[in-house]
Each structure stands twice: as structure tokens, then as C-alpha cells.
């Protein structure tokens, strides 16, 4: 019996028996042709359009090309399970990689033998084209259906948003029940609309609009909401989360869809306004139209990208420099109009904006800016190494509303990755600066401490979370003998990560709250440390 690996894939989670049916057909083919299955690679609920999110196929290709696998053949149900790549040469390339490594691919349900003959090559090319065309035609049908539903005022896809909930209704318009996050419709003929959420959330949405009209910035509103412990799913509020509430017309009952397009796994791009589907009064409003319109005028007035040209931006920065005598991101954020992030996005960086107004930033600021660029690159390299070491356990994802990549372990646990720059304090003490993203405070975190040149990693620790930092505190300075280091697990080798995470997530290492004090248990010494929070 020839040892073989099988690869199975289904496109959506509701294809409950697809993988089982594929495995049964592959097993029958194996018994008939003298194969024995010794390994299985699977991609449940994954589209065949791209390799990016298909961990099973990526792991198979990695094993075939970089290791000495214990099998001599790969069995796949048919051409479409291997992939519906829009470039048929991409599918051929991945099969070629396997064949180049001496491991042929067999398609168990196809009427031809994959033996490299001319009829086989022609049949495969045709089948690959048919698989790609099927996805293209299906995409057109789905888009047409969604446009029709959006024109009728139904909520087509996506999260409801803070203060709103999805309501499932039957085909004849009768309301069924409010759907929870992640819940799907029972029947494809059912439809979805948006309805006001819990009264407490609705009141906070209205309060957000009031605070913005009173002159508070989006950042200040986010800080206020976090201080009041207003819950936004599992994450805290930030600048972008507040703007999503202020800018989205769904809060006045208007349904807008098709603002962007990302057909067939391609990069999402914005569409011109003439392609948008706009349906006013589709949902019950929770914000009055005149209040919403007033906020939009304020947003347009305060939004740099829409109001100011480069010359006007430079002029505002020059006037601010004359008034304050120096420039920092905090000074810019405190001035009316532009935000420091807007300047950075508009000119490439804050330092570039400073150069335009003739401001010579202190050497320390320039060094920090360059240092953060290097630390971001090191962070991405670290994430890449972890993904390559644990391809079956880790995937790269993002916390909703954030641009930073985090890791998702075993489809259940988010893991943060943080780099700390080395520098000397004013007292000449060597230390590391940790800058925290508030939404990642409660996540298990890998903290990489950089060397004295900030160009490589000196040491790494795994912490169960960063709750030892006070609420609202986003900076922490680690000394070489910082007591909190004893509460982390040293990672001398990245291959220790998965085992260390299992230890970190165990009940003995968990934190608990008592009288507003945080209690951490060190996984190494077993000692407890109480911290005010």
C-alpha cells in the first residue's frame, strides 16, 4: 500500500457533510488503487479563490517542499477542491510544486487520470477554467441578489454596530427575533433589518452626538467612554470607533451599501458614489436627521482631508509653531482642526510635516521616530516567524476597528505582540519603553525587548496580560530588574511559545479581582503580587 495524504475543503460552514463526503470518496479511491491514508489536511469553511486564508493547503505545500513527508501521493476529491483560483496558472503552480518534490496529485472524482499525458493536461486546463468561471458567475449572481435586497431596504451583510441590532424577519415581513453577534439566519428566504438596540446603548449613541456638537473631539469622547466603562463588544473605544458612530447614516435609518468592492478575493477598493445603493428610511432611526446633518457639517469642517489643501495645512502648522514655540503630537491634537494622525497620513510622517514648516525636531524625537519604524518592522518579522513555526495553530488577524495585526491561537484566543525600545532615562538608567494599545490590555502578550541599538531582539517574555498597568495608562517603563518581569515566562526560543501559552492560560496563572486590586500569580515563583487598578 502506497502511503498518501488527503486534502479536503469546503467553501462555507453550512456545507455540513461536504468534507465527510469527500473523505468517503477519497477512501474508496484509495482502496481501489492501492493507497493508504496517513495524513489529512483540511480547510473547512474556506473559499477556494486564494491561498492566503487556507491554512490546510499552505501547511501541505510547506510540508511537501521543506520536509520529508511520510507519504508519496496526495489525494484530492476533484479540481475545484484544490482551488477555484481566478488565474488557472496558480492552481497549476501549486500542483507543480508537489510534483517537483516527487509527490504527484491524484483527483479521485475526475474522469481522467492525472498522468501528464496530453489528454490529461487538456482536461485539467479545462476543469481549472470551469472551476474559476463557476466562482465568477456565482459572484455575479450573488451581487445581483444583494443589490436587489439593498434596494428593498434590507440589511445585506456586516455587523449592526453599537446601539443597533439585527432583526430577522420572514419572507412575508413578520418579525422573528433579534440576532446575536455571529448568529446566522435559519432560512435563506429570511431577511434582515436593523432595529434599535438596548436602551442603554441608544442613550450613549445620542450622548456621543451631543458631546461632539458641544465641541469635544473624537479622541476626547473615546477617553470619556472608556472612563465610564461603556462597553463596545470586547474592546475599548478609540478615535475610529467614535467616528464610525458619528458618520454612519444607519443611525438615521438610511441603508447605504456597495460603497466598496472586493470581488473574488481581490483587494477591496472604494466605488464611485453612482454605484452606491442608498435607501432612506429603511430602519427605525435613533438619531434625528437634523442632528445628524449638523454633525456631518462639523465633521467636514474638522476633517483635514476634505477641507484643507497642503498649503493650508502647512499654514495651520506654521501658526501653531509661532504660538507654541515647538511642535509635538500632543500640541497638535490639542489645537482645533487637524489631528496629528491626519498630518502623518497626509505628509507621510509628522517629521515630514515638521520639515515643511522649518521646525527642526529634537534629536530625541527623530531617534524615537526612526526607532519606532525599526521596532514595527521587527514586530512584523516576529509575527511572521511565529506563523511559520505554528501554521496549524496560529493565524494573523486584527482586533475589530484596529490596524495592528494580532495572532489568533486555535481559533479561540487572541495574542498580542509588543516590542519595547531600549533607551537611557535622564538618570542614565537603561530601560525599555512599552507603548500599549488599550484594546490589547487584557490579551496574553509576547513582549520583545530590543537591544541597545534597537535593531534586534534582546529577550522575550510571555505575560498572561498587561493588567498590571493602571486603567488608561498606555506607557510603562521596564527597568532591567523590574519586579513585573518575574511574572512573565521567559521565551528563550520561539518554539517554546505554544507550550508556554498553555501554561499561561491555565487556571493557576489566571488573574482575579478583589476590592479593585489586581492579583497576579507568577508562573515561575508562585508568588502573588497585588496591584492597584
Protein backbone atom coordinates (compact mmCIF):
# COMPACT_ATOMS: atom_id res chain seq x y z
CA UNK A 1 0.00 0.00 0.00
CA UNK A 2 1.33 3.43 -1.01
CA UNK A 3 1.16 6.00 1.83
CA UNK A 4 -0.83 9.08 0.78
CA UNK A 5 -2.12 12.35 2.22
CA UNK A 6 -5.64 13.64 1.55
CA UNK A 7 -6.65 17.27 1.16
CA UNK A 8 -10.29 18.28 1.71
CA UNK A 9 -12.02 21.66 1.60
CA UNK A 10 -15.50 23.11 1.84
CA UNK A 11 -16.45 26.68 1.00
CA UNK A 12 -18.97 27.55 3.73
CA UNK A 13 -19.74 26.31 7.21
CA UNK A 14 -23.29 25.29 6.26
CA UNK A 15 -21.96 22.57 3.93
CA UNK A 16 -22.09 20.22 6.89
CA UNK A 17 -21.43 16.93 5.09
CA UNK A 18 -19.13 18.13 2.33
CA UNK A 19 -15.83 17.12 3.95
CA UNK A 20 -17.23 13.77 5.13
CA UNK A 21 -18.43 13.03 1.59
CA UNK A 22 -15.05 13.97 0.14
CA UNK A 23 -13.23 11.74 2.61
CA UNK A 24 -15.53 8.82 1.83
CA UNK A 25 -14.90 9.18 -1.92
CA UNK A 26 -11.14 9.56 -1.38
CA UNK A 27 -11.09 6.46 0.85
CA UNK A 28 -12.92 4.45 -1.81
CA UNK A 29 -10.45 5.63 -4.46
CA UNK A 30 -7.51 4.80 -2.16
CA UNK A 31 -8.72 1.26 -1.53
CA UNK A 32 -9.23 0.69 -5.22
CA UNK A 33 -5.82 1.99 -6.32
CA UNK A 34 -3.60 0.72 -3.52
CA UNK A 35 -3.21 3.84 -1.32
CA UNK A 36 -3.42 4.13 2.44
CA UNK A 37 -4.26 7.49 4.05
CA UNK A 38 -1.59 8.54 6.56
CA UNK A 39 -2.19 12.31 6.76
CA UNK A 40 -5.11 14.70 6.37
CA UNK A 41 -5.03 18.42 5.52
CA UNK A 42 -8.34 20.26 5.65
CA UNK A 43 -9.75 23.75 5.09
CA UNK A 44 -13.29 23.78 6.50
CA UNK A 45 -15.33 26.85 5.58
CA UNK A 46 -12.65 28.36 3.31
CA UNK A 47 -13.08 29.81 -0.16
CA UNK A 48 -11.01 28.31 -2.94
CA UNK A 49 -10.28 31.70 -4.50
CA UNK A 50 -6.99 32.41 -2.74
CA UNK A 51 -4.26 30.66 -0.80
CA UNK A 52 -3.98 33.36 1.87
CA UNK A 53 -6.59 32.05 4.34
CA UNK A 54 -6.26 28.34 3.57
CA UNK A 55 -4.07 27.08 6.37
CA UNK A 56 -4.55 23.43 5.38
CA UNK A 57 -3.25 23.82 1.83
CA UNK A 58 -0.45 26.12 2.98
CA UNK A 59 0.63 23.53 5.54
CA UNK A 60 0.54 20.80 2.87
CA UNK A 61 2.70 22.81 0.47
CA UNK A 62 5.08 23.71 3.29
CA UNK A 63 5.48 20.07 4.33
CA UNK A 64 5.96 18.89 0.77
CA UNK A 65 8.57 21.49 -0.15
CA UNK A 66 10.52 21.87 3.09
CA UNK A 67 10.34 18.48 4.81
CA UNK A 68 10.48 14.78 4.05
CA UNK A 69 6.80 13.84 4.31
CA UNK A 70 5.78 10.31 5.21
CA UNK A 71 3.58 9.99 2.14
CA UNK A 72 4.22 9.52 -1.57
CA UNK A 73 0.98 10.88 -3.07
CA UNK A 74 -1.73 13.49 -2.47
CA UNK A 75 -5.38 12.60 -2.99
CA UNK A 76 -7.96 15.34 -3.69
CA UNK A 77 -11.63 14.87 -4.47
CA UNK A 78 -11.62 16.99 -7.66
CA UNK A 79 -10.07 20.04 -9.33
CA UNK A 80 -12.43 22.52 -7.63
CA UNK A 81 -11.45 21.30 -4.13
CA UNK A 82 -7.81 22.07 -4.95
CA UNK A 83 -8.94 25.61 -5.72
CA UNK A 84 -11.06 27.95 -7.81
CA UNK A 85 -8.16 30.33 -8.48
CA UNK A 86 -9.07 33.03 -10.99
CA UNK A 87 -5.60 32.62 -12.52
CA UNK A 88 -5.62 28.96 -13.58
CA UNK A 89 -1.81 29.00 -13.70
CA UNK A 90 -1.82 29.47 -9.91
CA UNK A 91 -3.54 26.12 -9.38
CA UNK A 92 -1.12 24.51 -11.82
CA UNK A 93 1.82 26.06 -9.97
CA UNK A 94 0.85 24.56 -6.61
CA UNK A 95 0.40 21.14 -8.19
CA UNK A 96 3.78 21.53 -9.91
CA UNK A 97 5.44 22.21 -6.53
CA UNK A 98 4.15 18.88 -5.27
CA UNK A 99 5.17 17.01 -8.42
CA UNK A 100 8.62 18.66 -8.34
CA UNK A 101 9.09 17.26 -4.82
CA UNK A 102 8.30 13.80 -6.17
CA UNK A 103 4.74 13.66 -4.80
CA UNK A 104 2.02 13.50 -7.51
CA UNK A 105 -1.53 14.78 -7.01
CA UNK A 106 -4.47 12.48 -7.86
CA UNK A 107 -8.03 13.77 -8.38
CA UNK A 108 -10.31 10.99 -7.20
CA UNK A 109 -13.65 12.07 -8.74
CA UNK A 110 -12.40 13.28 -12.13
CA UNK A 111 -12.98 11.13 -15.24
CA UNK A 112 -9.31 11.38 -16.31
CA UNK A 113 -6.06 10.07 -14.87
CA UNK A 114 -3.58 12.76 -13.84
CA UNK A 115 -0.66 11.08 -15.59
CA UNK A 116 0.86 14.00 -17.51
CA UNK A 117 -0.38 12.89 -20.93
CA UNK A 118 -1.77 15.37 -23.46
CA UNK A 119 -5.45 14.40 -22.88
CA UNK A 120 -4.88 14.72 -19.12
CA UNK A 121 -3.27 18.18 -19.48
CA UNK A 122 -6.10 19.43 -21.70
CA UNK A 123 -8.75 18.06 -19.33
CA UNK A 124 -7.08 19.65 -16.31
CA UNK A 125 -6.78 23.05 -18.00
CA UNK A 126 -10.46 22.91 -18.96
CA UNK A 127 -11.53 21.85 -15.47
CA UNK A 128 -9.50 24.60 -13.83
CA UNK A 129 -11.05 27.18 -16.15
CA UNK A 130 -14.52 25.80 -15.37
CA UNK A 131 -13.82 25.98 -11.62
CA UNK A 132 -12.72 29.63 -11.90
CA UNK A 133 -15.67 30.51 -14.14
CA UNK A 134 -18.12 28.94 -11.70
CA UNK A 135 -16.93 31.33 -8.97
CA UNK A 136 -17.11 34.30 -11.33
CA UNK A 137 -20.69 33.50 -12.38
CA UNK A 138 -21.71 32.83 -8.79
CA UNK A 139 -20.20 36.18 -7.76
CA UNK A 140 -22.32 37.99 -10.37
CA UNK A 141 -25.49 36.23 -9.16
CA UNK A 142 -24.78 36.95 -5.51
CA UNK A 143 -24.01 40.61 -6.22
CA UNK A 144 -27.22 40.99 -8.22
CA UNK A 145 -29.22 39.44 -5.39
CA UNK A 146 -27.63 41.67 -2.75
CA UNK A 147 -28.25 44.80 -4.83
CA UNK A 148 -31.92 43.86 -5.10
CA UNK A 149 -32.20 43.25 -1.34
CA UNK A 150 -30.39 46.51 -0.52
CA UNK A 151 -32.75 48.42 -2.82
CA UNK A 152 -35.66 46.90 -0.88
CA UNK A 153 -34.15 48.25 2.35
CA UNK A 154 -32.83 45.03 3.88
CA UNK A 155 -29.53 44.82 5.77
CA UNK A 156 -27.34 42.77 3.45
CA UNK A 157 -24.24 41.96 5.48
CA UNK A 158 -21.92 43.17 8.21
CA UNK A 159 -22.23 43.94 11.90
CA UNK A 160 -25.10 46.06 13.10
CA UNK A 161 -22.86 48.42 15.05
CA UNK A 162 -23.07 49.90 18.52
CA UNK A 163 -26.62 50.80 19.55
CA UNK A 164 -28.20 48.68 16.81
CA UNK A 165 -29.18 45.03 16.43
CA UNK A 166 -30.05 42.77 13.51
CA UNK A 167 -33.68 41.62 13.39
CA UNK A 168 -34.54 38.51 11.40
CA UNK A 169 -37.84 38.71 9.54
CA UNK A 170 -39.68 36.13 7.46
CA UNK A 171 -40.33 36.36 3.73
CA UNK A 172 -43.81 37.80 4.41
CA UNK A 173 -42.40 40.56 6.66
CA UNK A 174 -43.15 39.11 10.10
CA UNK A 175 -40.51 39.79 12.75
CA UNK A 176 -38.93 36.68 14.25
CA UNK A 177 -36.23 37.60 16.77
CA UNK A 178 -33.16 39.74 17.39
CA UNK A 179 -29.99 38.01 16.20
CA UNK A 180 -26.91 37.88 18.39
CA UNK A 181 -23.42 38.67 17.12
CA UNK A 182 -22.22 35.89 14.80
CA UNK A 183 -25.68 34.31 14.54
CA UNK A 184 -26.88 33.48 11.04
CA UNK A 185 -30.35 33.17 9.55
CA UNK A 186 -32.14 29.85 9.80
CA UNK A 187 -33.52 30.02 6.26
CA UNK A 188 -32.09 31.64 3.15
CA UNK A 189 -35.51 33.14 2.36
CA UNK A 190 -35.47 35.09 5.64
CA UNK A 191 -34.34 38.70 5.58
CA UNK A 192 -32.55 41.04 7.99
CA UNK A 193 -33.22 44.62 9.05
CA UNK A 194 -31.68 46.85 11.72
CA UNK A 195 -33.56 47.83 14.86
CA UNK A 196 -32.57 49.93 17.90
CA UNK A 197 -30.50 48.01 20.42
CA UNK A 198 -30.69 48.10 24.24
CA UNK A 199 -31.90 51.40 25.67
CA UNK A 200 -28.59 52.00 27.42
CA UNK A 201 -26.67 51.76 24.13
CA UNK A 202 -29.16 54.01 22.34
CA UNK A 203 -28.75 56.64 25.07
CA UNK A 204 -24.95 56.51 24.70
CA UNK A 205 -25.18 56.90 20.90
CA UNK A 206 -27.26 60.03 21.38
CA UNK A 207 -24.83 61.25 24.02
CA UNK A 208 -21.90 60.78 21.60
CA UNK A 209 -23.63 63.08 19.09
CA UNK A 210 -24.33 65.64 21.84
CA UNK A 211 -20.72 65.64 23.05
CA UNK A 212 -19.41 66.15 19.53
CA UNK A 213 -21.78 69.08 18.95
CA UNK A 214 -20.60 70.55 22.27
CA UNK A 215 -17.05 70.69 20.85
CA UNK A 216 -15.44 67.51 22.16
CA UNK A 217 -13.09 65.76 19.74
CA UNK A 218 -13.44 62.10 18.82
CA UNK A 219 -10.40 61.29 20.96
CA UNK A 220 -11.83 63.05 23.99
CA UNK A 221 -15.17 61.28 23.52
CA UNK A 222 -13.38 57.91 23.33
CA UNK A 223 -11.48 58.65 26.55
CA UNK A 224 -14.70 59.67 28.28
CA UNK A 225 -16.50 56.48 27.18
CA UNK A 226 -13.62 54.32 28.39
CA UNK A 227 -13.58 56.13 31.75
CA UNK A 228 -17.31 55.46 32.09
CA UNK A 229 -16.65 51.81 31.14
CA UNK A 230 -19.08 51.93 28.22
CA UNK A 231 -18.68 48.51 26.66
CA UNK A 232 -18.02 48.21 22.93
CA UNK A 233 -18.19 44.46 22.30
CA UNK A 234 -14.98 43.18 23.91
CA UNK A 235 -12.86 46.23 23.08
CA UNK A 236 -12.47 49.78 24.26
CA UNK A 237 -13.37 52.95 22.38
CA UNK A 238 -10.90 54.83 20.20
CA UNK A 239 -10.85 57.62 17.61
CA UNK A 240 -12.08 55.45 14.72
CA UNK A 241 -14.83 53.74 16.75
CA UNK A 242 -16.36 57.11 17.66
CA UNK A 243 -16.18 58.30 14.05
CA UNK A 244 -17.97 55.15 12.87
CA UNK A 245 -20.90 56.11 15.08
CA UNK A 246 -20.84 59.76 14.01
CA UNK A 247 -20.53 59.16 10.26
CA UNK A 248 -22.77 56.20 9.54
CA UNK A 249 -26.22 57.14 8.21
CA UNK A 250 -27.72 53.89 9.51
CA UNK A 251 -28.30 55.75 12.79
CA UNK A 252 -30.92 57.89 10.99
CA UNK A 253 -32.42 54.82 9.34
CA UNK A 254 -30.67 55.14 5.97
CA UNK A 255 -29.27 51.96 4.44
CA UNK A 256 -26.18 52.50 2.25
CA UNK A 257 -24.46 49.56 0.61
CA UNK A 258 -21.93 48.83 -2.16
CA UNK A 259 -19.54 51.64 -1.20
CA UNK A 260 -16.60 49.29 -1.73
CA UNK A 261 -15.90 46.26 -3.88
CA UNK A 262 -13.68 43.23 -3.33
CA UNK A 263 -14.86 40.69 -5.87
CA UNK A 264 -13.40 37.19 -5.99
CA UNK A 265 -10.93 37.74 -3.19
CA UNK A 266 -9.36 40.82 -4.76
CA UNK A 267 -8.24 43.84 -2.77
CA UNK A 268 -11.16 45.94 -1.56
CA UNK A 269 -11.44 49.27 -3.37
CA UNK A 270 -13.83 52.24 -2.93
CA UNK A 271 -16.55 52.66 -5.54
CA UNK A 272 -17.80 55.96 -7.03
CA UNK A 273 -20.97 57.32 -5.47
CA UNK A 274 -23.08 56.46 -8.52
CA UNK A 275 -22.65 52.75 -7.67
CA UNK A 276 -23.86 53.12 -4.08
CA UNK A 277 -27.22 51.66 -3.08
CA UNK A 278 -28.93 54.30 -0.90
CA UNK A 279 -32.27 53.53 0.75
CA UNK A 280 -33.55 56.25 3.15
CA UNK A 281 -35.96 55.34 5.96
CA UNK A 282 -35.08 51.66 5.72
CA UNK A 283 -34.75 51.24 9.50
CA UNK A 284 -36.16 52.95 12.62
CA UNK A 285 -33.86 55.93 13.36
CA UNK A 286 -32.27 56.55 16.76
CA UNK A 287 -30.80 59.96 15.78
CA UNK A 288 -32.86 62.85 14.39
CA UNK A 289 -31.98 63.84 10.85
CA UNK A 290 -31.24 67.49 11.69
CA UNK A 291 -28.79 66.41 14.43
CA UNK A 292 -27.07 64.00 12.07
CA UNK A 293 -26.80 66.68 9.36
CA UNK A 294 -25.33 69.16 11.81
CA UNK A 295 -22.70 66.63 12.94
CA UNK A 296 -21.78 65.90 9.32
CA UNK A 297 -21.16 69.60 8.73
CA UNK A 298 -18.95 69.73 11.82
CA UNK A 299 -17.07 66.63 10.68
CA UNK A 300 -16.48 68.11 7.24
CA UNK A 301 -15.22 71.30 8.85
CA UNK A 302 -12.84 69.42 11.14
CA UNK A 303 -11.68 66.73 8.72
CA UNK A 304 -8.33 67.62 7.21
CA UNK A 305 -8.56 65.51 4.10
CA UNK A 306 -11.75 67.20 2.86
CA UNK A 307 -11.22 70.79 3.89
CA UNK A 308 -7.57 71.71 3.67
CA UNK A 309 -5.06 71.73 0.86
CA UNK A 310 -1.38 71.08 1.52
CA UNK A 311 -0.73 74.82 1.65
CA UNK A 312 -3.50 75.38 4.19
CA UNK A 313 -2.23 72.53 6.35
CA UNK A 314 1.27 73.93 6.33
CA UNK A 315 -0.12 77.38 7.21
CA UNK A 316 -2.01 75.99 10.22
CA UNK A 317 1.13 74.22 11.41
CA UNK A 318 3.23 77.40 11.00
CA UNK A 319 0.77 79.43 13.07
CA UNK A 320 0.72 76.76 15.75
CA UNK A 321 4.54 76.74 15.83
CA UNK A 322 4.69 80.54 16.23
CA UNK A 323 2.16 80.40 19.05
CA UNK A 324 3.66 77.47 20.97
CA UNK A 325 7.33 77.71 20.01
CA UNK A 326 7.59 73.96 19.44
CA UNK A 327 5.58 71.10 17.97
CA UNK A 328 4.56 67.72 19.36
CA UNK A 329 1.72 65.37 18.58
CA UNK A 330 0.07 66.38 21.87
CA UNK A 331 0.22 70.09 20.98
CA UNK A 332 -1.24 69.39 17.52
CA UNK A 333 -4.06 67.25 18.94
CA UNK A 334 -4.94 69.99 21.42
CA UNK A 335 -5.39 72.59 18.68
CA UNK A 336 -8.71 72.93 16.83
CA UNK A 337 -8.90 71.41 13.35
CA UNK A 338 -6.26 68.89 12.35
CA UNK A 339 -5.16 65.80 14.26
CA UNK A 340 -1.54 64.64 14.42
CA UNK A 341 -2.54 61.38 12.75
CA UNK A 342 -4.06 63.37 9.87
CA UNK A 343 -0.77 65.22 9.33
CA UNK A 344 1.17 61.96 9.43
CA UNK A 345 -1.14 60.35 6.89
CA UNK A 346 -1.21 63.44 4.66
CA UNK A 347 2.55 64.02 4.50
CA UNK A 348 3.88 60.54 5.22
CA UNK A 349 5.05 61.28 8.76
CA UNK A 350 5.00 64.01 11.38
CA UNK A 351 8.70 64.66 10.79
CA UNK A 352 7.95 65.35 7.12
CA UNK A 353 5.29 67.86 8.17
CA UNK A 354 7.76 69.48 10.60
CA UNK A 355 10.31 69.87 7.79
CA UNK A 356 7.76 71.72 5.65
CA UNK A 357 7.34 74.43 8.30
CA UNK A 358 11.07 74.64 9.07
CA UNK A 359 10.80 73.09 12.52
CA UNK A 360 13.89 71.13 13.50
CA UNK A 361 12.56 68.42 15.77
CA UNK A 362 14.81 67.46 18.71
CA UNK A 363 17.26 64.65 18.06
CA UNK A 364 15.48 62.56 20.64
CA UNK A 365 12.18 62.88 18.74
CA UNK A 366 13.84 61.93 15.47
CA UNK A 367 15.60 59.00 17.10
CA UNK A 368 12.32 57.80 18.61
CA UNK A 369 10.56 58.11 15.26
CA UNK A 370 13.22 56.08 13.47
CA UNK A 371 13.31 53.65 16.35
CA UNK A 372 9.58 53.00 16.17
CA UNK A 373 9.86 52.30 12.46
CA UNK A 374 12.53 49.69 13.16
CA UNK A 375 10.56 48.21 16.07
CA UNK A 376 7.44 47.89 13.89
CA UNK A 377 9.47 46.00 11.29
CA UNK A 378 10.89 43.72 14.00
CA UNK A 379 7.39 43.12 15.32
CA UNK A 380 6.13 42.03 11.89
CA UNK A 381 9.15 39.73 11.49
CA UNK A 382 8.38 38.18 14.88
CA UNK A 383 4.75 37.59 13.90
CA UNK A 384 5.92 36.02 10.63
CA UNK A 385 8.26 33.63 12.45
CA UNK A 386 5.50 32.53 14.83
CA UNK A 387 3.13 31.89 11.90
CA UNK A 388 5.75 29.77 10.14
CA UNK A 389 6.51 27.78 13.32
CA UNK A 390 2.86 27.09 14.18
CA UNK A 391 0.94 27.14 10.86
CA UNK A 392 -1.81 24.86 12.23
CA UNK A 393 -2.34 26.80 15.48
CA UNK A 394 -1.85 30.47 14.62
CA UNK A 395 -3.36 32.83 12.09
CA UNK A 396 -2.90 36.58 11.71
CA UNK A 397 -5.95 38.72 12.37
CA UNK A 398 -6.93 42.16 13.65
CA UNK A 399 -8.92 43.41 16.57
CA UNK A 400 -12.09 44.95 15.05
CA UNK A 401 -11.55 48.60 14.20
CA UNK A 402 -7.76 48.37 14.58
CA UNK A 403 -4.94 48.38 12.05
CA UNK A 404 -2.49 46.37 14.16
CA UNK A 405 -2.07 42.68 13.47
CA UNK A 406 -2.54 40.24 16.35
CA UNK A 407 -2.44 36.45 16.46
CA UNK A 408 -5.41 34.10 16.83
CA UNK A 409 -4.44 30.84 18.52
CA UNK A 410 -6.53 27.71 17.93
CA UNK A 411 -9.43 29.89 16.72
CA UNK A 412 -10.22 30.89 20.32
CA UNK A 413 -7.52 33.07 21.89
CA UNK A 414 -6.17 36.42 20.68
CA UNK A 415 -2.49 37.01 21.42
CA UNK A 416 -0.83 40.44 21.29
CA UNK A 417 2.77 41.04 20.19
CA UNK A 418 4.57 44.12 21.55
CA UNK A 419 8.11 45.43 21.04
CA UNK A 420 9.84 47.64 23.63
CA UNK A 421 12.53 50.09 22.57
CA UNK A 422 15.71 50.37 24.62
CA UNK A 423 16.89 53.77 25.77
CA UNK A 424 18.56 55.51 28.69
CA UNK A 425 16.49 57.60 31.07
CA UNK A 426 17.57 61.03 32.27
CA UNK A 427 19.13 59.31 35.28
CA UNK A 428 21.25 57.23 32.87
CA UNK A 429 19.41 54.04 33.74
CA UNK A 430 18.95 51.56 30.87
CA UNK A 431 15.28 50.75 30.42
CA UNK A 432 12.65 49.75 27.88
CA UNK A 433 9.55 51.71 26.91
CA UNK A 434 6.33 49.75 26.39
CA UNK A 435 3.60 51.52 24.42
CA UNK A 436 0.28 49.75 24.86
CA UNK A 437 -2.76 49.63 22.59
CA UNK A 438 -5.59 49.84 25.12
CA UNK A 439 -7.76 47.25 23.37
CA UNK A 440 -4.96 44.67 23.81
CA UNK A 441 -4.56 45.24 27.56
CA UNK A 442 -6.33 42.04 28.61
CA UNK A 443 -4.81 39.79 25.94
CA UNK A 444 -1.93 37.37 26.50
CA UNK A 445 1.07 39.22 25.15
CA UNK A 446 4.56 38.46 23.87
CA UNK A 447 6.81 41.35 24.91
CA UNK A 448 10.04 41.58 22.88
CA UNK A 449 12.73 43.76 24.50
CA UNK A 450 15.11 45.22 21.92
CA UNK A 451 18.88 45.53 22.29
CA UNK A 452 20.73 48.78 22.97
CA UNK A 453 20.83 49.55 19.22
CA UNK A 454 17.10 48.81 18.78
CA UNK A 455 17.83 46.69 15.71
CA UNK A 456 17.25 43.18 17.13
CA UNK A 457 15.52 41.34 19.96
CA UNK A 458 17.48 41.00 23.21
CA UNK A 459 14.98 38.90 25.21
CA UNK A 460 11.33 37.91 25.16
CA UNK A 461 8.68 37.37 27.82
CA UNK A 462 5.15 35.97 27.69
CA UNK A 463 2.66 37.66 30.05
CA UNK A 464 -0.94 36.50 30.68
CA UNK A 465 -1.96 40.16 30.13
CA UNK A 466 -0.85 43.70 30.90
CA UNK A 467 -3.45 44.45 33.54
CA UNK A 468 -0.72 45.46 35.98
CA UNK A 469 -0.77 48.79 34.15
CA UNK A 470 -3.29 51.26 35.56
CA UNK A 471 -6.53 51.78 33.64
CA UNK A 472 -5.88 54.42 30.99
CA UNK A 473 -2.09 54.09 31.31
CA UNK A 474 -0.59 53.44 27.87
CA UNK A 475 3.14 53.73 28.69
CA UNK A 476 5.25 51.66 31.02
CA UNK A 477 9.00 51.77 31.65
CA UNK A 478 10.67 48.45 32.34
CA UNK A 479 13.96 48.55 34.21
CA UNK A 480 16.47 45.74 33.98
CA UNK A 481 15.38 44.50 37.42
CA UNK A 482 11.68 45.37 37.14
CA UNK A 483 9.65 43.19 39.58
CA UNK A 484 6.97 42.56 36.97
CA UNK A 485 9.44 40.62 34.83
CA UNK A 486 9.22 37.77 37.36
CA UNK A 487 5.55 37.39 36.46
CA UNK A 488 6.29 36.64 32.83
CA UNK A 489 7.57 33.46 31.23
CA UNK A 490 10.96 33.81 29.53
CA UNK A 491 10.92 32.69 25.88
CA UNK A 492 14.49 31.78 25.01
CA UNK A 493 13.24 30.05 21.86
CA UNK A 494 10.09 30.83 19.87
CA UNK A 495 9.40 27.10 19.65
CA UNK A 496 8.50 27.29 23.35
CA UNK A 497 5.60 29.65 22.64
CA UNK A 498 2.73 27.17 22.31
CA UNK A 499 3.65 25.19 25.43
CA UNK A 500 4.17 28.44 27.37
CA UNK A 501 0.76 29.71 26.24
CA UNK A 502 -0.89 26.52 27.52
CA UNK A 503 0.73 27.15 30.90
CA UNK A 504 -0.17 30.84 30.85
CA UNK A 505 -3.86 30.13 30.15
CA UNK A 506 -4.14 27.53 32.91
CA UNK A 507 -6.38 28.43 35.89
CA UNK A 508 -3.33 28.63 38.22
CA UNK A 509 -1.93 31.51 36.16
CA UNK A 510 -5.20 33.44 35.78
CA UNK A 511 -5.75 36.84 37.36
CA UNK A 512 -8.66 37.78 39.58
CA UNK A 513 -10.06 41.00 41.03
CA UNK A 514 -10.62 41.74 44.69
CA UNK A 515 -11.59 45.15 46.08
CA UNK A 516 -10.30 46.98 42.98
CA UNK A 517 -6.86 45.38 43.30
CA UNK A 518 -5.39 43.06 40.71
CA UNK A 519 -3.71 39.88 41.89
CA UNK A 520 -1.20 38.19 39.58
CA UNK A 521 0.38 34.83 40.24
CA UNK A 522 3.87 34.27 38.90
CA UNK A 523 4.10 31.03 36.85
CA UNK A 524 7.75 30.73 37.88
CA UNK A 525 7.95 31.53 41.60
CA UNK A 526 4.32 31.01 42.56
CA UNK A 527 4.33 34.35 44.41
CA UNK A 528 1.42 36.77 44.25
CA UNK A 529 1.63 40.50 43.59
CA UNK A 530 -1.20 42.91 44.33
CA UNK A 531 -1.53 45.97 42.14
CA UNK A 532 -3.93 48.89 42.28
CA UNK A 533 -6.06 49.16 39.12
